[in-house]
Amino acid sequence: LAQEGITADELERTKVQLKSEHVMHGEGSASRMS
């Protein structure tokens, strides 16, 4: 990881994953409050 970083494919897939997780967590009042 330190030497090569991440691939373009990993970057795009991870962005989709993180945004999806964030939106779903944001639907809960407790998560949004935190």
PDB file of all heavy atoms in Angstrom:
ATOM      1  N   LEU A   1       0.829  -1.195   0.000  1.00  0.00           N
ATOM      2  CA  LEU A   1       0.000   0.000   0.000  1.00  0.00           C
ATOM      3  C   LEU A   1       0.866   1.249   0.000  1.00  0.00           C
ATOM      4  O   LEU A   1       0.606   2.203  -0.758  1.00  0.00           O
ATOM      5  CB  LEU A   1      -0.905  -0.015   1.230  1.00  0.00           C
ATOM      6  CG  LEU A   1      -1.823   1.195   1.432  1.00  0.00           C
ATOM      7  CD1 LEU A   1      -2.881   1.248   0.327  1.00  0.00           C
ATOM      8  CD2 LEU A   1      -2.503   1.116   2.801  1.00  0.00           C
ATOM      9  N   ALA A   2       1.907   1.267   0.828  1.00  0.00           N
ATOM     10  CA  ALA A   2       2.780   2.431   0.932  1.00  0.00           C
ATOM     11  C   ALA A   2       3.512   2.695  -0.377  1.00  0.00           C
ATOM     12  O   ALA A   2       3.729   3.850  -0.768  1.00  0.00           O
ATOM     13  CB  ALA A   2       3.781   2.234   2.063  1.00  0.00           C
ATOM     14  N   GLN A   3       3.897   1.645  -1.076  1.00  0.00           N
ATOM     15  CA  GLN A   3       4.693   1.786  -2.288  1.00  0.00           C
ATOM     16  C   GLN A   3       3.845   2.084  -3.530  1.00  0.00           C
ATOM     17  O   GLN A   3       4.269   2.839  -4.410  1.00  0.00           O
ATOM     18  CB  GLN A   3       5.507   0.508  -2.523  1.00  0.00           C
ATOM     19  CG  GLN A   3       6.561   0.263  -1.445  1.00  0.00           C
ATOM     20  CD  GLN A   3       7.089  -1.161  -1.475  1.00  0.00           C
ATOM     21  OE1 GLN A   3       6.716  -1.967  -2.330  1.00  0.00           O
ATOM     22  NE2 GLN A   3       7.968  -1.474  -0.525  1.00  0.00           N
ATOM     23  N   GLU A   4       2.633   1.509  -3.591  1.00  0.00           N
ATOM     24  CA  GLU A   4       1.861   1.582  -4.828  1.00  0.00           C
ATOM     25  C   GLU A   4       0.567   2.381  -4.720  1.00  0.00           C
ATOM     26  O   GLU A   4      -0.052   2.697  -5.737  1.00  0.00           O
ATOM     27  CB  GLU A   4       1.524   0.164  -5.308  1.00  0.00           C
ATOM     28  CG  GLU A   4       2.756  -0.706  -5.541  1.00  0.00           C
ATOM     29  CD  GLU A   4       2.381  -2.138  -5.890  1.00  0.00           C
ATOM     30  OE1 GLU A   4       1.174  -2.399  -6.101  1.00  0.00           O
ATOM     31  OE2 GLU A   4       3.301  -2.983  -5.941  1.00  0.00           O
ATOM     32  N   GLY A   5       0.135   2.686  -3.510  1.00  0.00           N
ATOM     33  CA  GLY A   5      -1.148   3.355  -3.365  1.00  0.00           C
ATOM     34  C   GLY A   5      -2.291   2.420  -3.708  1.00  0.00           C
ATOM     35  O   GLY A   5      -2.216   1.219  -3.444  1.00  0.00           O
ATOM     36  N   ILE A   6      -3.359   2.946  -4.288  1.00  0.00           N
ATOM     37  CA  ILE A   6      -4.504   2.121  -4.669  1.00  0.00           C
ATOM     38  C   ILE A   6      -4.797   2.319  -6.149  1.00  0.00           C
ATOM     39  O   ILE A   6      -4.377   3.305  -6.758  1.00  0.00           O
ATOM     40  CB  ILE A   6      -5.756   2.461  -3.830  1.00  0.00           C
ATOM     41  CG1 ILE A   6      -6.242   3.881  -4.134  1.00  0.00           C
ATOM     42  CG2 ILE A   6      -5.459   2.310  -2.343  1.00  0.00           C
ATOM     43  CD1 ILE A   6      -7.525   4.252  -3.430  1.00  0.00           C
ATOM     44  N   THR A   7      -5.525   1.393  -6.742  1.00  0.00           N
ATOM     45  CA  THR A   7      -5.842   1.470  -8.167  1.00  0.00           C
ATOM     46  C   THR A   7      -7.033   2.388  -8.404  1.00  0.00           C
ATOM     47  O   THR A   7      -7.799   2.698  -7.484  1.00  0.00           O
ATOM     48  CB  THR A   7      -6.168   0.083  -8.733  1.00  0.00           C
ATOM     49  OG1 THR A   7      -7.398  -0.381  -8.142  1.00  0.00           O
ATOM     50  CG2 THR A   7      -5.052  -0.910  -8.425  1.00  0.00           C
ATOM     51  N   ALA A   8      -7.190   2.799  -9.648  1.00  0.00           N
ATOM     52  CA  ALA A   8      -8.334   3.649 -10.018  1.00  0.00           C
ATOM     53  C   ALA A   8      -9.646   2.920  -9.768  1.00  0.00           C
ATOM     54  O   ALA A   8     -10.633   3.524  -9.325  1.00  0.00           O
ATOM     55  CB  ALA A   8      -8.214   4.057 -11.488  1.00  0.00           C
ATOM     56  N   ASP A   9      -9.656   1.615 -10.033  1.00  0.00           N
ATOM     57  CA  ASP A   9     -10.871   0.829  -9.815  1.00  0.00           C
ATOM     58  C   ASP A   9     -11.216   0.758  -8.335  1.00  0.00           C
ATOM     59  O   ASP A   9     -12.374   0.904  -7.942  1.00  0.00           O
ATOM     60  CB  ASP A   9     -10.690  -0.581 -10.387  1.00  0.00           C
ATOM     61  CG  ASP A   9     -11.934  -1.437 -10.198  1.00  0.00           C
ATOM     62  OD1 ASP A   9     -12.996  -1.045 -10.708  1.00  0.00           O
ATOM     63  OD2 ASP A   9     -11.839  -2.481  -9.524  1.00  0.00           O
ATOM     64  N   GLU A  10     -10.199   0.537  -7.491  1.00  0.00           N
ATOM     65  CA  GLU A  10     -10.429   0.501  -6.049  1.00  0.00           C
ATOM     66  C   GLU A  10     -10.963   1.842  -5.559  1.00  0.00           C
ATOM     67  O   GLU A  10     -11.867   1.900  -4.713  1.00  0.00           O
ATOM     68  CB  GLU A  10      -9.125   0.171  -5.316  1.00  0.00           C
ATOM     69  CG  GLU A  10      -8.709  -1.283  -5.395  1.00  0.00           C
ATOM     70  CD  GLU A  10      -7.385  -1.538  -4.709  1.00  0.00           C
ATOM     71  OE1 GLU A  10      -6.478  -0.680  -4.825  1.00  0.00           O
ATOM     72  OE2 GLU A  10      -7.238  -2.585  -4.059  1.00  0.00           O
ATOM     73  N   LEU A  11     -10.415   2.922  -6.083  1.00  0.00           N
ATOM     74  CA  LEU A  11     -10.840   4.246  -5.661  1.00  0.00           C
ATOM     75  C   LEU A  11     -12.314   4.477  -5.979  1.00  0.00           C
ATOM     76  O   LEU A  11     -13.086   4.920  -5.124  1.00  0.00           O
ATOM     77  CB  LEU A  11      -9.988   5.319  -6.341  1.00  0.00           C
ATOM     78  CG  LEU A  11     -10.352   6.774  -6.031  1.00  0.00           C
ATOM     79  CD1 LEU A  11     -10.261   7.050  -4.536  1.00  0.00           C
ATOM     80  CD2 LEU A  11      -9.456   7.724  -6.826  1.00  0.00           C
ATOM     81  N   GLU A  12     -12.724   4.154  -7.185  1.00  0.00           N
ATOM     82  CA  GLU A  12     -14.105   4.397  -7.584  1.00  0.00           C
ATOM     83  C   GLU A  12     -15.076   3.499  -6.824  1.00  0.00           C
ATOM     84  O   GLU A  12     -16.134   3.942  -6.390  1.00  0.00           O
ATOM     85  CB  GLU A  12     -14.260   4.195  -9.095  1.00  0.00           C
ATOM     86  CG  GLU A  12     -13.528   5.238  -9.925  1.00  0.00           C
ATOM     87  CD  GLU A  12     -13.855   6.659  -9.489  1.00  0.00           C
ATOM     88  OE1 GLU A  12     -15.065   6.987  -9.362  1.00  0.00           O
ATOM     89  OE2 GLU A  12     -12.920   7.442  -9.249  1.00  0.00           O
ATOM     90  N   ARG A  13     -14.731   2.222  -6.658  1.00  0.00           N
ATOM     91  CA  ARG A  13     -15.609   1.312  -5.922  1.00  0.00           C
ATOM     92  C   ARG A  13     -15.747   1.735  -4.468  1.00  0.00           C
ATOM     93  O   ARG A  13     -16.836   1.668  -3.887  1.00  0.00           O
ATOM     94  CB  ARG A  13     -15.069  -0.121  -6.002  1.00  0.00           C
ATOM     95  CG  ARG A  13     -15.324  -0.799  -7.345  1.00  0.00           C
ATOM     96  CD  ARG A  13     -15.015  -2.282  -7.297  1.00  0.00           C
ATOM     97  NE  ARG A  13     -13.594  -2.556  -7.205  1.00  0.00           N
ATOM     98  CZ  ARG A  13     -12.990  -3.007  -6.124  1.00  0.00           C
ATOM     99  NH1 ARG A  13     -13.684  -3.233  -5.006  1.00  0.00           N
ATOM    100  NH2 ARG A  13     -11.688  -3.241  -6.119  1.00  0.00           N
ATOM    101  N   THR A  14     -14.646   2.193  -3.895  1.00  0.00           N
ATOM    102  CA  THR A  14     -14.668   2.586  -2.493  1.00  0.00           C
ATOM    103  C   THR A  14     -15.467   3.872  -2.295  1.00  0.00           C
ATOM    104  O   THR A  14     -16.174   4.026  -1.289  1.00  0.00           O
ATOM    105  CB  THR A  14     -13.228   2.774  -1.974  1.00  0.00           C
ATOM    106  OG1 THR A  14     -12.527   1.536  -2.130  1.00  0.00           O
ATOM    107  CG2 THR A  14     -13.229   3.164  -0.512  1.00  0.00           C
ATOM    108  N   LYS A  15     -15.367   4.787  -3.228  1.00  0.00           N
ATOM    109  CA  LYS A  15     -16.175   6.015  -3.136  1.00  0.00           C
ATOM    110  C   LYS A  15     -17.663   5.677  -3.096  1.00  0.00           C
ATOM    111  O   LYS A  15     -18.421   6.223  -2.283  1.00  0.00           O
ATOM    112  CB  LYS A  15     -15.875   6.931  -4.325  1.00  0.00           C
ATOM    113  CG  LYS A  15     -14.554   7.676  -4.235  1.00  0.00           C
ATOM    114  CD  LYS A  15     -14.383   8.594  -5.442  1.00  0.00           C
ATOM    115  CE  LYS A  15     -13.094   9.391  -5.363  1.00  0.00           C
ATOM    116  NZ  LYS A  15     -12.949  10.311  -6.517  1.00  0.00           N
ATOM    117  N   VAL A  16     -18.080   4.776  -3.980  1.00  0.00           N
ATOM    118  CA  VAL A  16     -19.487   4.377  -4.023  1.00  0.00           C
ATOM    119  C   VAL A  16     -19.883   3.731  -2.698  1.00  0.00           C
ATOM    120  O   VAL A  16     -20.947   4.027  -2.131  1.00  0.00           O
ATOM    121  CB  VAL A  16     -19.747   3.407  -5.194  1.00  0.00           C
ATOM    122  CG1 VAL A  16     -21.165   2.834  -5.116  1.00  0.00           C
ATOM    123  CG2 VAL A  16     -19.543   4.123  -6.529  1.00  0.00           C
ATOM    124  N   GLN A  17     -19.018   2.860  -2.187  1.00  0.00           N
ATOM    125  CA  GLN A  17     -19.299   2.163  -0.925  1.00  0.00           C
ATOM    126  C   GLN A  17     -19.417   3.144   0.232  1.00  0.00           C
ATOM    127  O   GLN A  17     -20.367   3.084   1.022  1.00  0.00           O
ATOM    128  CB  GLN A  17     -18.180   1.148  -0.642  1.00  0.00           C
ATOM    129  CG  GLN A  17     -18.298   0.417   0.682  1.00  0.00           C
ATOM    130  CD  GLN A  17     -19.440  -0.576   0.711  1.00  0.00           C
ATOM    131  OE1 GLN A  17     -19.916  -1.004  -0.334  1.00  0.00           O
ATOM    132  NE2 GLN A  17     -19.868  -0.945   1.912  1.00  0.00           N
ATOM    133  N   LEU A  18     -18.466   4.062   0.353  1.00  0.00           N
ATOM    134  CA  LEU A  18     -18.467   5.001   1.466  1.00  0.00           C
ATOM    135  C   LEU A  18     -19.662   5.949   1.401  1.00  0.00           C
ATOM    136  O   LEU A  18     -20.286   6.251   2.421  1.00  0.00           O
ATOM    137  CB  LEU A  18     -17.163   5.810   1.478  1.00  0.00           C
ATOM    138  CG  LEU A  18     -15.905   5.054   1.908  1.00  0.00           C
ATOM    139  CD1 LEU A  18     -14.675   5.942   1.739  1.00  0.00           C
ATOM    140  CD2 LEU A  18     -16.018   4.591   3.356  1.00  0.00           C
ATOM    141  N   LYS A  19     -19.981   6.418   0.205  1.00  0.00           N
ATOM    142  CA  LYS A  19     -21.127   7.322   0.068  1.00  0.00           C
ATOM    143  C   LYS A  19     -22.423   6.603   0.405  1.00  0.00           C
ATOM    144  O   LYS A  19     -23.306   7.176   1.066  1.00  0.00           O
ATOM    145  CB  LYS A  19     -21.171   7.896  -1.345  1.00  0.00           C
ATOM    146  CG  LYS A  19     -20.087   8.932  -1.621  1.00  0.00           C
ATOM    147  CD  LYS A  19     -20.277   9.609  -2.977  1.00  0.00           C
ATOM    148  CE  LYS A  19     -20.068   8.642  -4.120  1.00  0.00           C
ATOM    149  NZ  LYS A  19     -20.178   9.327  -5.436  1.00  0.00           N
ATOM    150  N   SER A  20     -22.539   5.366  -0.004  1.00  0.00           N
ATOM    151  CA  SER A  20     -23.739   4.588   0.310  1.00  0.00           C
ATOM    152  C   SER A  20     -23.867   4.392   1.813  1.00  0.00           C
ATOM    153  O   SER A  20     -24.951   4.548   2.390  1.00  0.00           O
ATOM    154  CB  SER A  20     -23.700   3.234  -0.396  1.00  0.00           C
ATOM    155  OG  SER A  20     -23.667   3.392  -1.802  1.00  0.00           O
ATOM    156  N   GLU A  21     -22.765   4.031   2.460  1.00  0.00           N
ATOM    157  CA  GLU A  21     -22.781   3.830   3.908  1.00  0.00           C
ATOM    158  C   GLU A  21     -23.156   5.121   4.625  1.00  0.00           C
ATOM    159  O   GLU A  21     -23.940   5.115   5.580  1.00  0.00           O
ATOM    160  CB  GLU A  21     -21.403   3.356   4.380  1.00  0.00           C
ATOM    161  CG  GLU A  21     -21.050   1.944   3.953  1.00  0.00           C
ATOM    162  CD  GLU A  21     -19.645   1.565   4.358  1.00  0.00           C
ATOM    163  OE1 GLU A  21     -18.943   2.419   4.954  1.00  0.00           O
ATOM    164  OE2 GLU A  21     -19.227   0.422   4.086  1.00  0.00           O
ATOM    165  N   HIS A  22     -22.594   6.220   4.148  1.00  0.00           N
ATOM    166  CA  HIS A  22     -22.857   7.489   4.812  1.00  0.00           C
ATOM    167  C   HIS A  22     -24.324   7.893   4.677  1.00  0.00           C
ATOM    168  O   HIS A  22     -24.934   8.379   5.633  1.00  0.00           O
ATOM    169  CB  HIS A  22     -21.962   8.585   4.242  1.00  0.00           C
ATOM    170  CG  HIS A  22     -22.032   9.864   5.014  1.00  0.00           C
ATOM    171  ND1 HIS A  22     -21.443  10.022   6.248  1.00  0.00           N
ATOM    172  CD2 HIS A  22     -22.666  11.036   4.745  1.00  0.00           C
ATOM    173  CE1 HIS A  22     -21.692  11.229   6.701  1.00  0.00           C
ATOM    174  NE2 HIS A  22     -22.427  11.871   5.810  1.00  0.00           N
ATOM    175  N   VAL A  23     -24.876   7.716   3.501  1.00  0.00           N
ATOM    176  CA  VAL A  23     -26.284   8.063   3.289  1.00  0.00           C
ATOM    177  C   VAL A  23     -27.175   7.194   4.170  1.00  0.00           C
ATOM    178  O   VAL A  23     -28.116   7.682   4.812  1.00  0.00           O
ATOM    179  CB  VAL A  23     -26.673   7.908   1.808  1.00  0.00           C
ATOM    180  CG1 VAL A  23     -28.185   8.007   1.628  1.00  0.00           C
ATOM    181  CG2 VAL A  23     -25.987   8.982   0.974  1.00  0.00           C
ATOM    182  N   MET A  24     -26.892   5.883   4.216  1.00  0.00           N
ATOM    183  CA  MET A  24     -27.712   4.984   5.027  1.00  0.00           C
ATOM    184  C   MET A  24     -27.602   5.313   6.514  1.00  0.00           C
ATOM    185  O   MET A  24     -28.605   5.312   7.228  1.00  0.00           O
ATOM    186  CB  MET A  24     -27.305   3.529   4.761  1.00  0.00           C
ATOM    187  CG  MET A  24     -27.781   3.018   3.406  1.00  0.00           C
ATOM    188  SD  MET A  24     -27.527   1.239   3.187  1.00  0.00           S
ATOM    189  CE  MET A  24     -25.741   1.175   3.030  1.00  0.00           C
ATOM    190  N   HIS A  25     -26.383   5.611   6.985  1.00  0.00           N
ATOM    191  CA  HIS A  25     -26.218   5.985   8.382  1.00  0.00           C
ATOM    192  C   HIS A  25     -26.937   7.290   8.679  1.00  0.00           C
ATOM    193  O   HIS A  25     -27.490   7.488   9.764  1.00  0.00           O
ATOM    194  CB  HIS A  25     -24.736   6.127   8.723  1.00  0.00           C
ATOM    195  CG  HIS A  25     -24.009   4.830   8.766  1.00  0.00           C
ATOM    196  ND1 HIS A  25     -22.636   4.735   8.746  1.00  0.00           N
ATOM    197  CD2 HIS A  25     -24.462   3.555   8.823  1.00  0.00           C
ATOM    198  CE1 HIS A  25     -22.282   3.462   8.782  1.00  0.00           C
ATOM    199  NE2 HIS A  25     -23.366   2.723   8.833  1.00  0.00           N
ATOM    200  N   GLY A  26     -26.923   8.195   7.699  1.00  0.00           N
ATOM    201  CA  GLY A  26     -27.563   9.485   7.885  1.00  0.00           C
ATOM    202  C   GLY A  26     -29.069   9.413   7.999  1.00  0.00           C
ATOM    203  O   GLY A  26     -29.717  10.378   8.424  1.00  0.00           O
ATOM    204  N   GLU A  27     -29.649   8.280   7.630  1.00  0.00           N
ATOM    205  CA  GLU A  27     -31.095   8.127   7.743  1.00  0.00           C
ATOM    206  C   GLU A  27     -31.529   7.902   9.190  1.00  0.00           C
ATOM    207  O   GLU A  27     -32.708   8.038   9.515  1.00  0.00           O
ATOM    208  CB  GLU A  27     -31.564   6.957   6.859  1.00  0.00           C
ATOM    209  CG  GLU A  27     -31.411   7.245   5.363  1.00  0.00           C
ATOM    210  CD  GLU A  27     -31.826   6.057   4.513  1.00  0.00           C
ATOM    211  OE1 GLU A  27     -32.040   4.977   5.089  1.00  0.00           O
ATOM    212  OE2 GLU A  27     -31.912   6.212   3.283  1.00  0.00           O
ATOM    213  N   GLY A  28     -30.592   7.559  10.050  1.00  0.00           N
ATOM    214  CA  GLY A  28     -30.913   7.353  11.459  1.00  0.00           C
ATOM    215  C   GLY A  28     -30.622   8.605  12.265  1.00  0.00           C
ATOM    216  O   GLY A  28     -29.541   9.202  12.130  1.00  0.00           O
ATOM    217  N   SER A  29     -31.543   9.012  13.107  1.00  0.00           N
ATOM    218  CA  SER A  29     -31.359  10.232  13.893  1.00  0.00           C
ATOM    219  C   SER A  29     -30.160  10.126  14.832  1.00  0.00           C
ATOM    220  O   SER A  29     -29.423  11.107  15.023  1.00  0.00           O
ATOM    221  CB  SER A  29     -32.621  10.534  14.702  1.00  0.00           C
ATOM    222  OG  SER A  29     -33.706  10.811  13.847  1.00  0.00           O
ATOM    223  N   ALA A  30     -29.956   8.971  15.418  1.00  0.00           N
ATOM    224  CA  ALA A  30     -28.838   8.804  16.358  1.00  0.00           C
ATOM    225  C   ALA A  30     -27.498   8.982  15.646  1.00  0.00           C
ATOM    226  O   ALA A  30     -26.586   9.642  16.170  1.00  0.00           O
ATOM    227  CB  ALA A  30     -28.915   7.427  17.019  1.00  0.00           C
ATOM    228  N   SER A  31     -27.357   8.390  14.457  1.00  0.00           N
ATOM    229  CA  SER A  31     -26.114   8.519  13.698  1.00  0.00           C
ATOM    230  C   SER A  31     -25.890   9.961  13.272  1.00  0.00           C
ATOM    231  O   SER A  31     -24.771  10.486  13.331  1.00  0.00           O
ATOM    232  CB  SER A  31     -26.154   7.614  12.466  1.00  0.00           C
ATOM    233  OG  SER A  31     -26.214   6.265  12.834  1.00  0.00           O
ATOM    234  N   ARG A  32     -26.969  10.607  12.843  1.00  0.00           N
ATOM    235  CA  ARG A  32     -26.853  12.000  12.417  1.00  0.00           C
ATOM    236  C   ARG A  32     -26.485  12.890  13.601  1.00  0.00           C
ATOM    237  O   ARG A  32     -25.665  13.799  13.477  1.00  0.00           O
ATOM    238  CB  ARG A  32     -28.176  12.459  11.794  1.00  0.00           C
ATOM    239  CG  ARG A  32     -28.082  13.813  11.145  1.00  0.00           C
ATOM    240  CD  ARG A  32     -27.214  13.778   9.902  1.00  0.00           C
ATOM    241  NE  ARG A  32     -26.840  15.115   9.461  1.00  0.00           N
ATOM    242  CZ  ARG A  32     -25.605  15.482   9.166  1.00  0.00           C
ATOM    243  NH1 ARG A  32     -24.611  14.616   9.260  1.00  0.00           N
ATOM    244  NH2 ARG A  32     -25.342  16.706   8.773  1.00  0.00           N
ATOM    245  N   MET A  33     -27.062  12.619  14.735  1.00  0.00           N
ATOM    246  CA  MET A  33     -26.750  13.378  15.941  1.00  0.00           C
ATOM    247  C   MET A  33     -25.272  13.246  16.296  1.00  0.00           C
ATOM    248  O   MET A  33     -24.599  14.233  16.612  1.00  0.00           O
ATOM    249  CB  MET A  33     -27.611  12.883  17.100  1.00  0.00           C
ATOM    250  CG  MET A  33     -27.368  13.592  18.420  1.00  0.00           C
ATOM    251  SD  MET A  33     -28.275  12.817  19.782  1.00  0.00           S
ATOM    252  CE  MET A  33     -27.453  11.217  19.860  1.00  0.00           C
ATOM    253  N   SER A  34     -24.749  12.020  16.222  1.00  0.00           N
ATOM    254  CA  SER A  34     -23.343  11.783  16.536  1.00  0.00           C
ATOM    255  C   SER A  34     -22.425  12.500  15.555  1.00  0.00           C
ATOM    256  O   SER A  34     -21.393  13.069  15.943  1.00  0.00           O
ATOM    257  CB  SER A  34     -23.046  10.277  16.515  1.00  0.00           C
ATOM    258  OG  SER A  34     -23.786   9.610  17.505  1.00  0.00           O
TER     259      SER A  34
END
